Amino acid sequence: MSNLEPILRKLKSSDISDAARLSAEAGWNQTEDDWRLLIALAPEGCFGIEVAGELVSTATLICYGRQLAWIGMVLTRSSFQGRGFARRLLTEILSLADRLNIESVKLDATEQGRPLYEKLGFRDEQAVERWERLGSADPTEKTSAPETRLSADLIAADSVAFGVNRSELLLQLAKHTPPHTLGQSYLLTRSGRLRQYLGPCVADSPDTARNLIEDALQSSRSSSWYWDLFVENADAISLARTLEFAPKRKLVRMVRGKDMRGEEHSIYALAGFELG
């Protein structure tokens, strides 16, 4: 085998720095910690293509039980694009999902990636957007939220809103930055390469969501944020505008297999395009 022949393999912890360079080249917000989380959550679902010893393409699959799996981090280094690496990785990931009898596979697609996903059997579900609030502070600084935990009741409320149980993801996210909670509602935030990231957030009313988000914004030393949300959630859109966020990117949530949606009016912020 020539050392220039592409090798498809699972990602390892030793790939984290190279994977982070790929997402940075694409202008994405993920940090090495985000990649570390993905590999920890789904060691069997994170794949890459290596050429001459270098990681040049990636894709990830996180399974939320057998009901839902989420595809993310579909990336190819610019100098290797056009060689079918993304299709090869996605074919591998979808084959894995089929072997695991996953009922529904979803992803958030850019306009660039959407035609490929359609060819692989995905269909549009709904529009999602990234909103942004600019500032000058360091986005890597930690918030000063009080120490709280995600209770079983909060995780149960999230499962109803999202449609499936994703407790492992939420508990891992909450280890890095304590959640903001109010009754049966919560908000998580995390550091990003470019901006602080706001979400996920599940709230029982627009007023509760506003209280949680304002608390997060005020308790952070950073004033630069990304916030991903459903376009169909008019209350979330209105709240983002009120809090001086502005739309930055438009994507389309796509699904392959069974339609599966929760009580999305309660979701005021997504966990991330790579997480759902």
Protein backbone atom coordinates (compact mmCIF):
# COMPACT_ATOMS: atom_id res chain seq x y z
CA MET A 1 0.00 0.00 0.00
CA SER A 2 1.37 3.40 -0.96
CA ASN A 3 1.80 5.83 1.93
CA LEU A 4 -0.23 8.28 -0.17
CA GLU A 5 -3.26 5.98 -0.24
CA PRO A 6 -6.10 7.29 1.97
CA ILE A 7 -6.66 5.24 5.12
CA LEU A 8 -10.07 5.35 6.81
CA ARG A 9 -9.83 4.69 10.55
CA LYS A 10 -11.32 5.58 13.91
CA LEU A 11 -10.11 8.73 15.60
CA LYS A 12 -7.94 8.45 18.69
CA SER A 13 -7.12 10.88 21.46
CA SER A 14 -3.78 11.48 19.75
CA ASP A 15 -5.72 12.94 16.78
CA ILE A 16 -7.31 15.74 18.80
CA SER A 17 -4.81 18.47 17.91
CA ASP A 18 -4.92 17.62 14.20
CA ALA A 19 -8.73 17.45 14.24
CA ALA A 20 -8.90 20.85 15.94
CA ARG A 21 -6.70 22.29 13.21
CA LEU A 22 -9.17 20.98 10.61
CA SER A 23 -12.14 22.65 12.28
CA ALA A 24 -10.15 25.86 12.75
CA GLU A 25 -9.23 25.90 9.06
CA ALA A 26 -12.97 25.74 8.29
CA GLY A 27 -13.56 28.73 10.59
CA TRP A 28 -15.54 26.69 13.10
CA ASN A 29 -15.79 27.36 16.84
CA GLN A 30 -14.82 23.96 18.26
CA THR A 31 -11.91 23.63 20.66
CA GLU A 32 -9.71 20.65 21.47
CA ASP A 33 -12.03 20.04 24.44
CA ASP A 34 -14.98 19.70 22.05
CA TRP A 35 -13.10 17.07 20.04
CA ARG A 36 -12.10 15.32 23.25
CA LEU A 37 -15.77 15.20 24.28
CA LEU A 38 -16.85 13.72 20.95
CA ILE A 39 -14.25 10.95 21.06
CA ALA A 40 -15.07 10.20 24.71
CA LEU A 41 -18.83 10.01 24.01
CA ALA A 42 -18.53 8.01 20.78
CA PRO A 43 -15.18 6.22 20.44
CA GLU A 44 -16.69 3.83 17.89
CA GLY A 45 -18.39 6.59 15.89
CA CYS A 46 -15.59 9.09 15.25
CA PHE A 47 -13.78 8.48 11.97
CA GLY A 48 -11.05 10.11 9.99
CA ILE A 49 -9.11 9.69 6.77
CA GLU A 50 -5.33 9.79 6.95
CA VAL A 51 -3.02 10.49 4.02
CA ALA A 52 0.74 10.15 4.39
CA GLY A 53 0.37 10.10 8.14
CA GLU A 54 -1.75 13.26 8.28
CA LEU A 55 -5.41 13.54 9.29
CA VAL A 56 -7.17 15.25 6.36
CA SER A 57 -10.88 14.47 6.81
CA THR A 58 -13.29 13.66 9.68
CA ALA A 59 -16.89 12.81 10.53
CA THR A 60 -18.53 11.83 13.80
CA LEU A 61 -21.62 9.90 14.90
CA ILE A 62 -23.05 10.19 18.40
CA CYS A 63 -25.81 7.76 19.34
CA TYR A 64 -28.55 8.71 21.75
CA GLY A 65 -29.71 5.20 22.51
CA ARG A 66 -31.07 3.34 19.50
CA GLN A 67 -33.65 5.98 18.66
CA LEU A 68 -31.42 8.74 17.33
CA ALA A 69 -27.87 9.27 16.11
CA TRP A 70 -26.25 12.59 15.25
CA ILE A 71 -23.70 13.26 12.52
CA GLY A 72 -21.24 16.11 12.91
CA MET A 73 -17.76 17.42 12.17
CA VAL A 74 -17.86 16.53 8.46
CA LEU A 75 -14.62 18.21 7.48
CA THR A 76 -11.97 17.90 4.77
CA ARG A 77 -8.79 19.92 4.55
CA SER A 78 -9.14 22.39 1.70
CA SER A 79 -6.22 20.94 -0.27
CA PHE A 80 -7.87 17.47 -0.22
CA GLN A 81 -11.43 18.48 -1.11
CA GLY A 82 -13.05 17.02 -4.22
CA ARG A 83 -11.65 13.52 -3.69
CA GLY A 84 -14.82 11.98 -2.21
CA PHE A 85 -13.50 11.75 1.34
CA ALA A 86 -16.68 13.15 2.94
CA ARG A 87 -18.87 10.69 1.02
CA ARG A 88 -16.61 7.81 2.05
CA LEU A 89 -16.77 8.77 5.71
CA LEU A 90 -20.52 9.34 5.65
CA THR A 91 -21.09 5.99 3.96
CA GLU A 92 -19.08 4.32 6.74
CA ILE A 93 -21.00 6.18 9.44
CA LEU A 94 -24.41 5.41 7.96
CA SER A 95 -23.46 1.75 7.61
CA LEU A 96 -22.60 1.76 11.31
CA ALA A 97 -25.93 3.39 12.16
CA ASP A 98 -27.76 0.76 10.13
CA ARG A 99 -25.88 -2.08 11.85
CA LEU A 100 -26.89 -0.58 15.19
CA ASN A 101 -30.54 -0.37 14.05
CA ILE A 102 -30.70 3.37 14.71
CA GLU A 103 -34.22 4.58 13.93
CA SER A 104 -33.35 8.14 12.94
CA VAL A 105 -30.13 9.88 11.90
CA LYS A 106 -29.95 13.67 11.88
CA LEU A 107 -27.49 16.43 11.07
CA ASP A 108 -27.34 20.19 10.56
CA ALA A 109 -26.29 20.86 6.98
CA THR A 110 -24.64 23.82 5.35
CA GLU A 111 -25.72 24.69 1.82
CA GLN A 112 -22.39 23.31 0.62
CA GLY A 113 -22.99 19.91 2.20
CA ARG A 114 -26.72 19.63 1.60
CA PRO A 115 -26.61 18.11 -1.93
CA LEU A 116 -24.42 15.24 -0.72
CA TYR A 117 -26.69 14.55 2.22
CA GLU A 118 -29.72 14.47 -0.08
CA LYS A 119 -27.98 11.87 -2.25
CA LEU A 120 -27.43 9.77 0.88
CA GLY A 121 -31.13 9.75 1.74
CA PHE A 122 -31.52 12.76 4.01
CA ARG A 123 -34.50 15.10 3.77
CA ASP A 124 -35.13 18.56 5.20
CA GLU A 125 -36.69 18.81 8.65
CA GLN A 126 -36.41 22.49 9.62
CA ALA A 127 -34.21 25.56 9.46
CA VAL A 128 -31.65 26.35 12.15
CA GLU A 129 -29.58 29.49 12.55
CA ARG A 130 -26.51 30.67 14.38
CA TRP A 131 -26.84 34.07 16.00
CA GLU A 132 -23.91 36.13 17.24
CA ARG A 133 -23.21 38.86 19.75
CA LEU A 134 -19.85 40.55 19.37
CA GLY A 135 -17.58 41.80 22.10
CA SER A 136 -13.93 42.26 22.88
CA ALA A 137 -13.37 39.93 25.84
CA ASP A 138 -11.41 36.66 25.71
CA PRO A 139 -13.89 33.88 24.74
CA THR A 140 -11.90 31.25 26.64
CA GLU A 141 -12.47 32.78 30.04
CA LYS A 142 -14.58 30.72 32.43
CA THR A 143 -17.92 31.84 33.75
CA SER A 144 -18.51 32.37 37.44
CA ALA A 145 -21.82 30.53 37.68
CA PRO A 146 -22.57 29.02 41.11
CA GLU A 147 -21.96 25.31 41.55
CA THR A 148 -25.16 23.52 40.53
CA ARG A 149 -25.92 20.15 38.99
CA LEU A 150 -28.31 18.81 36.42
CA SER A 151 -30.94 16.96 38.44
CA ALA A 152 -32.88 13.94 37.23
CA ASP A 153 -35.91 16.20 36.78
CA LEU A 154 -33.97 18.57 34.50
CA ILE A 155 -32.64 15.68 32.43
CA ALA A 156 -36.18 14.30 32.15
CA ALA A 157 -37.45 17.70 30.96
CA ASP A 158 -34.67 17.79 28.38
CA SER A 159 -35.62 14.32 27.11
CA VAL A 160 -39.20 15.46 26.54
CA ALA A 161 -38.06 18.59 24.71
CA PHE A 162 -35.34 16.94 22.60
CA GLY A 163 -37.30 13.75 21.96
CA VAL A 164 -34.76 11.26 23.32
CA ASN A 165 -32.54 10.87 26.37
CA ARG A 166 -29.16 12.56 25.95
CA SER A 167 -28.19 12.57 29.62
CA GLU A 168 -24.61 11.39 29.04
CA LEU A 169 -23.92 14.39 26.81
CA LEU A 170 -25.51 16.86 29.23
CA LEU A 171 -23.65 15.50 32.24
CA GLN A 172 -20.35 15.69 30.38
CA LEU A 173 -21.04 19.30 29.32
CA ALA A 174 -22.03 20.23 32.87
CA LYS A 175 -18.67 19.00 34.19
CA HIS A 176 -16.89 21.83 32.37
CA THR A 177 -19.22 24.73 33.18
CA PRO A 178 -21.89 24.57 35.91
CA PRO A 179 -25.44 24.86 34.55
CA HIS A 180 -27.75 27.79 35.14
CA THR A 181 -31.02 26.40 36.47
CA LEU A 182 -34.45 27.73 37.37
CA GLY A 183 -37.19 25.30 38.37
CA GLN A 184 -37.46 22.66 35.65
CA SER A 185 -35.41 24.72 33.19
CA TYR A 186 -31.67 24.88 32.52
CA LEU A 187 -28.98 26.49 30.38
CA LEU A 188 -25.44 25.26 29.69
CA THR A 189 -22.60 27.29 28.21
CA ARG A 190 -19.06 26.44 27.14
CA SER A 191 -15.90 27.99 25.80
CA GLY A 192 -15.28 28.18 22.05
CA ARG A 193 -12.31 28.94 19.84
CA LEU A 194 -13.88 32.19 18.61
CA ARG A 195 -16.85 32.88 20.88
CA GLN A 196 -18.43 31.59 24.05
CA TYR A 197 -21.22 29.15 23.18
CA LEU A 198 -24.74 29.53 24.59
CA GLY A 199 -26.64 26.25 24.80
CA PRO A 200 -28.27 23.88 25.16
CA CYS A 201 -31.19 25.55 26.88
CA VAL A 202 -34.57 24.03 27.70
CA ALA A 203 -37.07 26.30 29.42
CA ASP A 204 -40.74 26.18 30.34
CA SER A 205 -41.46 29.75 29.20
CA PRO A 206 -39.89 32.68 27.35
CA ASP A 207 -39.51 34.57 30.63
CA THR A 208 -37.63 31.68 32.23
CA ALA A 209 -35.38 31.38 29.18
CA ARG A 210 -34.63 35.08 29.32
CA ASN A 211 -33.75 34.90 33.02
CA LEU A 212 -31.39 31.99 32.44
CA ILE A 213 -29.69 33.57 29.44
CA GLU A 214 -29.34 37.00 31.02
CA ASP A 215 -27.81 35.36 34.08
CA ALA A 216 -25.29 33.53 31.89
CA LEU A 217 -24.39 36.64 29.93
CA GLN A 218 -23.94 38.70 33.09
CA SER A 219 -21.92 36.08 34.97
CA SER A 220 -19.40 35.65 32.15
CA ARG A 221 -16.43 37.89 31.59
CA SER A 222 -16.84 37.35 27.86
CA SER A 223 -19.20 39.47 25.77
CA SER A 224 -18.73 37.53 22.51
CA TRP A 225 -21.23 34.71 21.99
CA TYR A 226 -22.69 32.23 19.52
CA TRP A 227 -26.27 31.02 19.96
CA ASP A 228 -27.79 28.31 17.73
CA LEU A 229 -31.57 28.10 17.60
CA PHE A 230 -34.61 26.85 15.72
CA VAL A 231 -36.04 29.38 13.29
CA GLU A 232 -39.50 27.98 14.07
CA ASN A 233 -39.16 29.02 17.72
CA ALA A 234 -40.38 32.60 17.40
CA ASP A 235 -39.89 33.24 21.13
CA ALA A 236 -36.21 32.27 20.91
CA ILE A 237 -35.73 34.46 17.84
CA SER A 238 -37.39 37.41 19.57
CA LEU A 239 -35.32 36.90 22.69
CA ALA A 240 -32.07 36.70 20.72
CA ARG A 241 -32.89 39.96 18.98
CA THR A 242 -33.81 41.64 22.28
CA LEU A 243 -30.47 40.58 23.77
CA GLU A 244 -28.61 42.18 20.83
CA PHE A 245 -27.73 39.01 18.96
CA ALA A 246 -27.85 39.02 15.15
CA PRO A 247 -28.13 36.14 12.64
CA LYS A 248 -24.81 34.91 11.27
CA ARG A 249 -25.27 31.49 9.57
CA LYS A 250 -28.21 29.56 8.15
CA LEU A 251 -28.31 25.75 8.11
CA VAL A 252 -30.92 23.07 7.53
CA ARG A 253 -31.62 20.26 9.96
CA MET A 254 -31.96 17.06 7.95
CA VAL A 255 -33.15 13.56 8.84
CA ARG A 256 -32.72 10.05 7.44
CA GLY A 257 -35.13 7.37 8.63
CA LYS A 258 -37.95 7.90 11.07
CA ASP A 259 -39.28 11.40 11.81
CA MET A 260 -38.50 12.08 15.45
CA ARG A 261 -39.15 15.40 17.14
CA GLY A 262 -39.75 16.41 20.72
CA GLU A 263 -41.47 19.42 22.24
CA GLU A 264 -39.16 21.85 20.46
CA HIS A 265 -41.01 24.97 21.58
CA SER A 266 -39.17 24.40 24.88
CA ILE A 267 -35.73 24.39 23.24
CA TYR A 268 -34.33 27.93 23.32
CA ALA A 269 -30.77 27.00 22.34
CA LEU A 270 -29.27 23.99 20.61
CA ALA A 271 -26.36 21.94 21.97
CA GLY A 272 -24.37 22.60 18.81
CA PHE A 273 -24.45 21.66 15.15
CA GLU A 274 -22.30 18.61 15.90
CA LEU A 275 -24.44 17.50 18.89
CA GLY A 276 -28.07 18.32 18.13
